[in-house]
Protein backbone atom coordinates (compact mmCIF):
# COMPACT_ATOMS: atom_id res chain seq x y z
CA MET A 1 -0.79 3.42 -8.44
CA ARG A 2 -2.32 2.36 -11.75
CA LEU A 3 -5.52 3.84 -13.12
CA VAL A 4 -7.76 2.99 -16.05
CA ASN A 5 -8.08 5.80 -18.58
CA ALA A 6 -11.85 6.33 -18.65
CA VAL A 7 -11.79 7.20 -22.36
CA THR A 8 -9.40 4.64 -23.83
CA LEU A 9 -9.88 1.97 -21.12
CA GLU A 10 -6.12 1.49 -21.07
CA LEU A 11 -4.02 1.26 -17.92
CA GLU A 12 -1.73 4.15 -16.98
CA ASP A 13 0.93 4.12 -14.25
CA PHE A 14 1.12 7.07 -11.82
CA SER A 15 3.86 5.69 -9.57
CA ASN A 16 6.21 8.62 -10.19
CA LYS A 17 3.80 11.44 -10.96
CA PRO A 18 0.85 13.20 -9.35
CA VAL A 19 -2.31 11.10 -9.19
CA PRO A 20 -5.27 12.79 -10.91
CA GLN A 21 -8.82 12.72 -9.57
CA TYR A 22 -10.37 9.31 -10.09
CA ALA A 23 -13.50 7.24 -9.53
CA ILE A 24 -13.22 3.89 -7.79
CA LEU A 25 -15.30 0.72 -8.00
CA SER A 26 -16.59 -1.28 -5.05
CA HIS A 27 -17.96 -4.72 -5.91
CA THR A 28 -17.83 -8.40 -5.04
CA TRP A 29 -15.79 -10.66 -7.24
CA GLY A 30 -17.45 -13.17 -9.56
CA ASP A 31 -16.45 -15.42 -12.43
CA GLY A 32 -14.51 -13.94 -15.32
CA GLU A 33 -12.87 -10.98 -13.59
CA VAL A 34 -10.35 -9.07 -15.72
CA THR A 35 -6.75 -9.11 -14.48
CA LEU A 36 -3.94 -6.68 -15.18
CA GLN A 37 -2.47 -9.19 -17.61
CA ASP A 38 -5.81 -9.46 -19.44
CA MET A 39 -5.83 -5.69 -19.98
CA GLN A 40 -2.79 -6.00 -22.25
CA ASP A 41 -5.12 -7.45 -24.90
CA ALA A 42 -8.25 -5.32 -25.18
CA GLN A 43 -10.09 -7.83 -27.33
CA MET A 44 -9.43 -10.68 -24.92
CA ALA A 45 -10.32 -8.54 -21.90
CA SER A 46 -13.61 -7.42 -23.44
CA GLN A 47 -14.75 -11.03 -23.77
CA LYS A 48 -14.62 -11.63 -20.00
CA ALA A 49 -17.69 -11.03 -17.84
CA GLY A 50 -15.91 -8.63 -15.51
CA TYR A 51 -15.05 -6.23 -18.33
CA ALA A 52 -18.60 -4.84 -18.27
CA LYS A 53 -18.01 -3.54 -14.74
CA ILE A 54 -14.80 -1.79 -15.75
CA LYS A 55 -16.49 -0.26 -18.79
CA LYS A 56 -19.50 0.96 -16.79
CA CYS A 57 -17.31 2.39 -14.02
CA CYS A 58 -15.38 4.38 -16.63
CA GLU A 59 -18.63 5.54 -18.24
CA LEU A 60 -19.91 6.84 -14.91
CA ALA A 61 -16.57 8.52 -14.27
CA ARG A 62 -16.74 10.35 -17.60
CA VAL A 63 -20.28 11.54 -16.85
CA ARG A 64 -18.96 12.96 -13.58
CA GLY A 65 -16.14 14.75 -15.39
CA LEU A 66 -13.42 12.32 -14.31
CA LYS A 67 -10.77 11.01 -16.68
CA TYR A 68 -9.64 8.00 -14.66
CA ALA A 69 -10.99 5.09 -12.64
CA TRP A 70 -9.53 2.44 -10.34
CA VAL A 71 -10.76 -1.15 -10.31
CA ASP A 72 -9.06 -3.65 -8.02
CA THR A 73 -9.25 -6.61 -10.40
CA CYS A 74 -7.14 -5.01 -13.12
CA CYS A 75 -5.16 -2.21 -11.48
CA ILE A 76 -3.06 -4.45 -9.20
CA ASP A 77 -0.47 -6.94 -10.42
CA LYS A 78 -1.43 -9.82 -8.16
CA SER A 79 1.42 -11.94 -9.50
CA SER A 80 3.79 -9.65 -7.56
CA SER A 81 3.62 -10.30 -3.81
CA ALA A 82 5.38 -6.98 -3.13
CA GLU A 83 2.89 -4.99 -5.20
CA LEU A 84 -0.07 -6.85 -3.70
CA SER A 85 1.18 -6.13 -0.17
CA GLU A 86 1.69 -2.44 -0.95
CA ALA A 87 -1.74 -2.21 -2.57
CA ILE A 88 -3.59 -3.83 0.33
CA ASN A 89 -1.80 -1.60 2.83
CA SER A 90 -2.74 1.44 0.71
CA MET A 91 -6.26 0.44 -0.27
CA PHE A 92 -8.15 2.23 2.49
CA LYS A 93 -6.44 5.50 1.54
CA TRP A 94 -7.12 4.91 -2.15
CA TYR A 95 -10.84 4.60 -1.44
CA GLU A 96 -10.68 7.58 0.92
CA ASP A 97 -8.91 9.75 -1.67
CA SER A 98 -11.26 8.87 -4.53
CA HIS A 99 -13.52 11.57 -5.93
CA ASP A 100 -16.43 9.12 -6.33
CA CYS A 101 -17.00 5.51 -5.34
CA TYR A 102 -19.52 3.35 -7.20
CA ALA A 103 -20.81 0.35 -5.23
CA TYR A 104 -22.16 -2.21 -7.67
CA LEU A 105 -24.57 -4.69 -6.05
CA ALA A 106 -24.74 -7.46 -8.64
CA ASP A 107 -27.47 -9.39 -6.79
CA VAL A 108 -29.90 -6.52 -6.12
CA GLU A 109 -32.70 -6.29 -8.66
CA PRO A 110 -33.78 -2.78 -9.70
CA GLU A 111 -37.38 -3.15 -8.53
CA ALA A 112 -36.23 -4.29 -5.10
CA THR A 113 -33.94 -1.38 -4.32
CA SER A 114 -36.49 0.42 -2.18
CA ALA A 115 -37.07 -2.59 0.06
CA VAL A 116 -34.67 -2.93 2.98
CA ALA A 117 -35.47 -6.65 3.22
CA SER A 118 -34.17 -7.23 -0.31
CA PHE A 119 -31.35 -4.71 -0.18
CA LYS A 120 -29.81 -6.19 2.97
CA LYS A 121 -29.55 -9.66 1.42
CA SER A 122 -26.88 -8.50 -0.99
CA ARG A 123 -23.58 -10.38 -0.79
CA TRP A 124 -21.88 -6.98 -0.75
CA PHE A 125 -22.81 -6.59 2.92
CA THR A 126 -21.23 -9.91 3.93
CA ARG A 127 -17.72 -9.55 2.52
CA GLY A 128 -14.74 -8.38 4.52
CA TRP A 129 -13.22 -6.11 1.88
CA THR A 130 -16.40 -4.11 1.29
CA LEU A 131 -16.41 -2.86 4.89
CA GLN A 132 -13.65 -0.34 4.22
CA GLU A 133 -15.24 0.40 0.85
CA LEU A 134 -18.44 1.37 2.68
CA LEU A 135 -16.68 3.67 5.14
CA ALA A 136 -13.61 5.18 3.49
CA PRO A 137 -14.96 7.02 0.41
CA THR A 138 -16.12 10.60 0.74
CA LYS A 139 -18.86 10.06 -1.84
CA LEU A 140 -20.42 6.62 -2.23
CA HIS A 141 -23.14 5.81 -4.79
CA PHE A 142 -25.04 2.50 -4.91
CA TYR A 143 -26.12 0.76 -8.13
CA ALA A 144 -28.34 -2.28 -8.76
CA SER A 145 -27.54 -5.28 -10.95
CA ASP A 146 -28.44 -3.46 -14.19
CA TRP A 147 -26.61 -0.32 -13.02
CA THR A 148 -29.86 1.40 -12.11
CA TYR A 149 -29.00 4.13 -9.62
CA ILE A 150 -30.14 3.41 -6.06
CA ALA A 151 -28.95 6.24 -3.82
CA THR A 152 -26.00 7.80 -2.04
CA ARG A 153 -24.71 6.44 1.25
CA ARG A 154 -26.06 9.51 3.08
CA ARG A 155 -29.55 9.15 1.63
CA ILE A 156 -29.94 5.55 2.81
CA SER A 157 -27.77 5.84 5.93
CA LYS A 158 -30.56 4.57 8.20
CA GLN A 159 -31.04 1.40 6.17
CA LEU A 160 -27.29 0.88 5.96
CA SER A 161 -26.96 1.28 9.72
CA LEU A 162 -29.65 -1.36 10.30
CA ILE A 163 -27.96 -3.75 7.88
CA THR A 164 -24.36 -3.27 9.01
CA LYS A 165 -24.86 -2.44 12.72
CA ILE A 166 -22.59 0.57 12.18
CA ASP A 167 -23.68 3.76 13.93
CA GLU A 168 -25.42 6.05 11.47
CA SER A 169 -23.04 8.93 12.19
CA PHE A 170 -20.32 7.10 10.24
CA LEU A 171 -22.61 6.71 7.24
CA ASP A 172 -24.36 10.08 7.22
CA ARG A 173 -21.27 12.27 7.45
CA PRO A 174 -21.03 15.33 5.15
CA ASP A 175 -19.00 15.02 1.95
CA ASN A 176 -16.35 17.35 3.36
CA GLN A 177 -15.89 15.31 6.55
CA GLY A 178 -13.19 12.65 6.47
CA ILE A 179 -13.44 9.33 8.25
CA ASP A 180 -10.05 9.17 9.99
CA LYS A 181 -10.93 11.20 13.10
CA MET A 182 -14.26 9.44 13.47
CA LEU A 183 -12.58 6.04 13.34
CA GLY A 184 -10.01 7.18 15.88
CA ALA A 185 -12.83 8.10 18.27
CA ALA A 186 -14.51 4.69 17.92
CA SER A 187 -13.35 1.99 20.31
CA ILE A 188 -11.33 -0.98 19.11
CA ALA A 189 -14.20 -3.29 20.09
CA GLU A 190 -16.75 -1.25 18.14
CA ARG A 191 -14.65 -1.31 14.97
CA MET A 192 -14.01 -5.04 15.33
CA SER A 193 -17.74 -5.66 15.74
CA TRP A 194 -18.41 -4.18 12.30
CA ALA A 195 -16.52 -7.11 10.76
CA SER A 196 -17.98 -9.77 13.05
CA ASN A 197 -20.44 -11.12 10.45
CA ARG A 198 -18.25 -10.70 7.38
CA GLN A 199 -16.26 -13.33 5.53
CA THR A 200 -13.30 -13.47 3.18
CA THR A 201 -12.27 -16.17 0.72
CA ARG A 202 -8.76 -16.42 2.13
CA GLU A 203 -8.45 -16.85 5.89
CA GLU A 204 -5.75 -14.21 6.23
CA ASP A 205 -7.84 -11.55 4.51
CA ILE A 206 -10.20 -11.15 7.48
CA ALA A 207 -7.23 -9.45 9.14
CA TYR A 208 -5.78 -7.73 6.08
CA CYS A 209 -9.10 -6.14 5.13
CA LEU A 210 -9.15 -4.34 8.50
CA LEU A 211 -5.73 -2.69 8.28
CA GLY A 212 -7.11 0.68 7.21
CA LEU A 213 -9.80 0.77 9.90
CA PHE A 214 -7.08 0.66 12.54
CA GLY A 215 -4.43 2.68 10.72
CA ILE A 216 -2.11 -0.33 10.60
CA ASN A 217 0.57 -1.17 8.05
CA MET A 218 2.05 -4.65 8.22
CA PRO A 219 3.55 -7.24 5.86
CA LEU A 220 1.22 -9.73 4.21
CA LEU A 221 2.09 -13.38 4.75
CA TYR A 222 -0.37 -15.53 2.85
CA GLY A 223 -0.22 -19.01 4.29
CA GLU A 224 -0.10 -17.85 7.92
CA GLY A 225 -3.82 -18.55 8.45
CA LYS A 226 -5.31 -17.40 11.76
CA ARG A 227 -1.94 -15.96 12.76
CA ALA A 228 -2.75 -12.93 10.57
CA PHE A 229 -5.55 -11.79 12.90
CA ARG A 230 -3.30 -12.24 15.92
CA ARG A 231 -0.60 -10.14 14.25
CA LEU A 232 -3.17 -7.42 13.57
CA GLN A 233 -4.11 -7.34 17.26
CA GLU A 234 -0.44 -7.25 18.27
CA GLU A 235 0.05 -4.21 16.03
CA ILE A 236 -3.01 -2.56 17.60
CA VAL A 237 -1.54 -3.18 21.07
CA ARG A 238 1.65 -1.38 20.01
CA ARG A 239 -0.33 1.70 18.97
CA SER A 240 -3.28 1.89 21.35
CA ASP A 241 -4.04 1.61 25.06
CA ASP A 242 -7.72 0.83 24.43
CA GLN A 243 -8.45 -2.29 26.48
CA SER A 244 -11.75 -2.91 24.69
CA LEU A 245 -9.52 -5.03 22.42
CA PHE A 246 -9.78 -7.67 25.15
CA ALA A 247 -13.57 -7.35 25.61
CA TRP A 248 -14.61 -10.22 23.37
CA MET A 249 -16.67 -13.37 23.86
CA TYR A 250 -14.94 -16.74 23.51
CA THR A 251 -16.02 -19.62 21.30
CA ALA A 252 -14.77 -23.18 20.99
CA GLU A 253 -12.25 -22.11 18.32
CA HIS A 254 -10.11 -20.53 21.05
CA HIS A 255 -9.49 -23.72 22.95
CA GLY A 256 -5.87 -24.80 22.97
CA PRO A 257 -4.43 -28.15 24.07
CA ASP A 258 -5.28 -27.33 27.70
CA GLY A 259 -8.80 -26.19 26.86
CA PHE A 260 -8.09 -22.53 27.67
CA PRO A 261 -8.32 -19.66 25.18
CA GLY A 262 -5.67 -16.99 24.66
CA PHE A 263 -6.08 -13.37 25.72
CA LEU A 264 -6.41 -12.19 22.11
CA ALA A 265 -9.47 -12.99 20.00
CA ALA A 266 -9.39 -15.64 17.28
CA SER A 267 -11.45 -13.63 14.78
CA PRO A 268 -13.66 -10.52 14.50
CA SER A 269 -16.69 -12.76 15.10
CA ASN A 270 -15.79 -12.78 18.79
CA PHE A 271 -16.66 -9.06 18.94
CA ALA A 272 -20.23 -9.50 17.70
CA GLU A 273 -21.64 -8.40 21.07
CA SER A 274 -18.99 -5.76 21.81
CA SER A 275 -20.07 -2.79 19.69
CA HIS A 276 -21.17 -0.90 22.79
CA ILE A 277 -17.90 -1.30 24.71
CA VAL A 278 -15.84 1.90 25.07
CA PRO A 279 -12.65 2.76 26.98
CA CYS A 280 -12.87 4.69 30.24
CA ARG A 281 -13.04 8.44 29.79
CA ALA A 282 -10.11 10.35 28.35
CA GLY A 283 -7.71 11.58 31.00
CA SER A 284 -8.27 8.63 33.30
CA ARG A 285 -5.23 6.63 34.28
CA ARG A 286 -4.64 3.78 31.87
CA SER A 287 -2.58 0.65 32.46
CA VAL A 288 0.41 0.25 30.18
CA PHE A 289 0.47 -3.04 28.30
CA SER A 290 2.59 -4.58 25.58
CA ILE A 291 3.21 -7.74 23.57
CA SER A 292 6.49 -9.64 23.88
CA ASN A 293 7.80 -13.13 23.15
CA LYS A 294 6.31 -14.11 26.51
CA GLY A 295 2.83 -12.97 25.55
CA LEU A 296 0.71 -10.05 26.73
CA GLN A 297 2.24 -8.09 29.58
CA ILE A 298 -0.36 -6.04 31.43
CA SER A 299 -1.12 -4.96 34.99
CA LEU A 300 -4.81 -5.13 35.89
CA PRO A 301 -6.72 -4.86 39.17
CA MET A 302 -8.19 -8.19 40.26
CA LEU A 303 -11.44 -9.16 41.95
CA GLU A 304 -10.97 -12.76 43.03
CA GLU A 305 -10.44 -14.61 39.73
CA HIS A 306 -11.53 -11.71 37.53
CA ALA A 307 -9.39 -8.99 35.96
CA LEU A 308 -10.96 -5.55 35.55
CA LEU A 309 -10.57 -3.93 32.14
CA GLU A 310 -10.52 -0.16 31.77
CA CYS A 311 -13.61 -0.09 29.58
CA HIS A 312 -17.37 -0.10 30.07
CA PRO A 313 -20.70 -0.24 28.21
CA SER A 314 -21.29 3.08 26.48
CA ASP A 315 -24.60 3.55 28.30
CA ASP A 316 -23.26 2.63 31.75
CA PRO A 317 -19.90 4.18 32.75
CA SER A 318 -20.24 2.74 36.28
CA THR A 319 -20.01 -0.84 34.99
CA LEU A 320 -16.55 -2.12 34.17
CA ILE A 321 -15.84 -5.10 31.95
CA VAL A 322 -14.15 -8.09 33.57
CA VAL A 323 -12.33 -11.11 32.19
CA ARG A 324 -12.15 -14.37 34.11
CA LEU A 325 -8.59 -15.67 34.43
CA ARG A 326 -6.88 -18.90 35.31
CA HIS A 327 -3.71 -18.66 37.42
CA PHE A 328 -0.80 -20.76 36.17
CA HIS A 329 2.19 -19.72 38.29
CA GLY A 330 3.75 -16.58 39.73
CA ASP A 331 2.32 -13.61 37.87
CA THR A 332 1.34 -15.68 34.83
CA TYR A 333 -2.36 -16.00 33.98
CA GLY A 334 -4.44 -17.29 31.09
CA ARG A 335 -7.97 -16.47 30.05
CA ALA A 336 -10.37 -19.01 31.54
CA VAL A 337 -13.51 -20.43 29.99
CA ASP A 338 -16.65 -19.09 31.64
CA GLU A 339 -19.89 -20.78 30.64
CA LYS A 340 -22.03 -18.22 32.48
CA GLN A 341 -23.94 -15.65 30.50
CA ALA A 342 -22.24 -12.26 30.43
CA GLY A 343 -23.95 -9.81 32.76
CA PRO A 344 -23.57 -7.98 36.08
CA SER A 345 -21.75 -10.51 38.18
CA ALA A 346 -20.18 -8.88 41.22
CA SER A 347 -19.63 -5.65 43.09
CA SER A 348 -16.90 -4.39 45.33
CA GLN A 349 -16.51 -1.48 47.72
CA LYS A 350 -13.13 0.24 47.39
CA GLY A 351 -12.77 3.33 49.53
CA SER A 352 -15.70 5.60 48.77
CA THR A 353 -16.25 4.29 45.26
CA SER A 354 -18.61 1.46 44.41
CA TYR A 355 -17.89 -0.63 41.32
CA ALA A 356 -20.13 -2.98 39.39
CA TYR A 357 -18.62 -5.48 36.99
CA ARG A 358 -19.83 -7.13 33.85
CA GLY A 359 -18.15 -10.29 32.67
CA CYS A 360 -16.92 -11.31 29.24
CA ARG A 361 -17.32 -15.06 28.93
């Protein structure tokens, strides 16, 4: 891990020695960002627009009694695919382990910081990478375009919850409460929904920016396109039995040559309406499922052409989520396209228990 010395503004390598306390910058990239190579020539680096952010981050760190800072633009050698892969797989932890995180909102004017309507329009809330930067740090401070101080994450947690659709408990946690256990208690569908309206410049990054939220480490393969998000879901399947992963809504982008979507989602956007889906209570019997070269292997109860998932709306444990399937042959099924609006669609009496089902179209 490289850090910027907050006094000299020079890079120092801590790969083989203990990492000191550090501040970390959260921002959206613009023109003239300073790279690691640029930092080798201080005069050249200082002439680029992005240098002002590095300088201000270090200044804030010094005020807080910190001697080092981490800034993604200049602390990672992006010319090395191995280093970039290691950095992206470690990034959530780096933000989590930081002493302070400074979120710089370059498009929020100082006089507008008290207005939710203006605050929520910031590009910072639309980018994939800033999702983990919002959640992972213990202490997060927001700054406007001129570095006027706005507030801490805790102080404006209600506004942030309205903007991001993330439950306020994740944003209003005490400084001594880590995020890992809280994320582990959130369903797969809920965590996916947080990224449903976010974008990344590179197609693969919409998957890579979520690695930390799911505790996943996997190789980066730029050039794989949409396959990256499928690989992320396959890794989740290997580690979790939470079937809310399958509780997403299809769009036209899923349609294959035969017009039928796969069982895994194409992107986080498919989980936009799934934030309230949770797995059945702990201790209940869960179906075992896995991914192989033949696809998803799972055993699910069926109601006519619908498969019942072991998850339900958080406010209605008696309603199970169903997925409409198309039978191909033997025990092979595919997810079918259902144009009907999701909602209570059927009920079935099994023994003494009555079930209601809600469909995922």
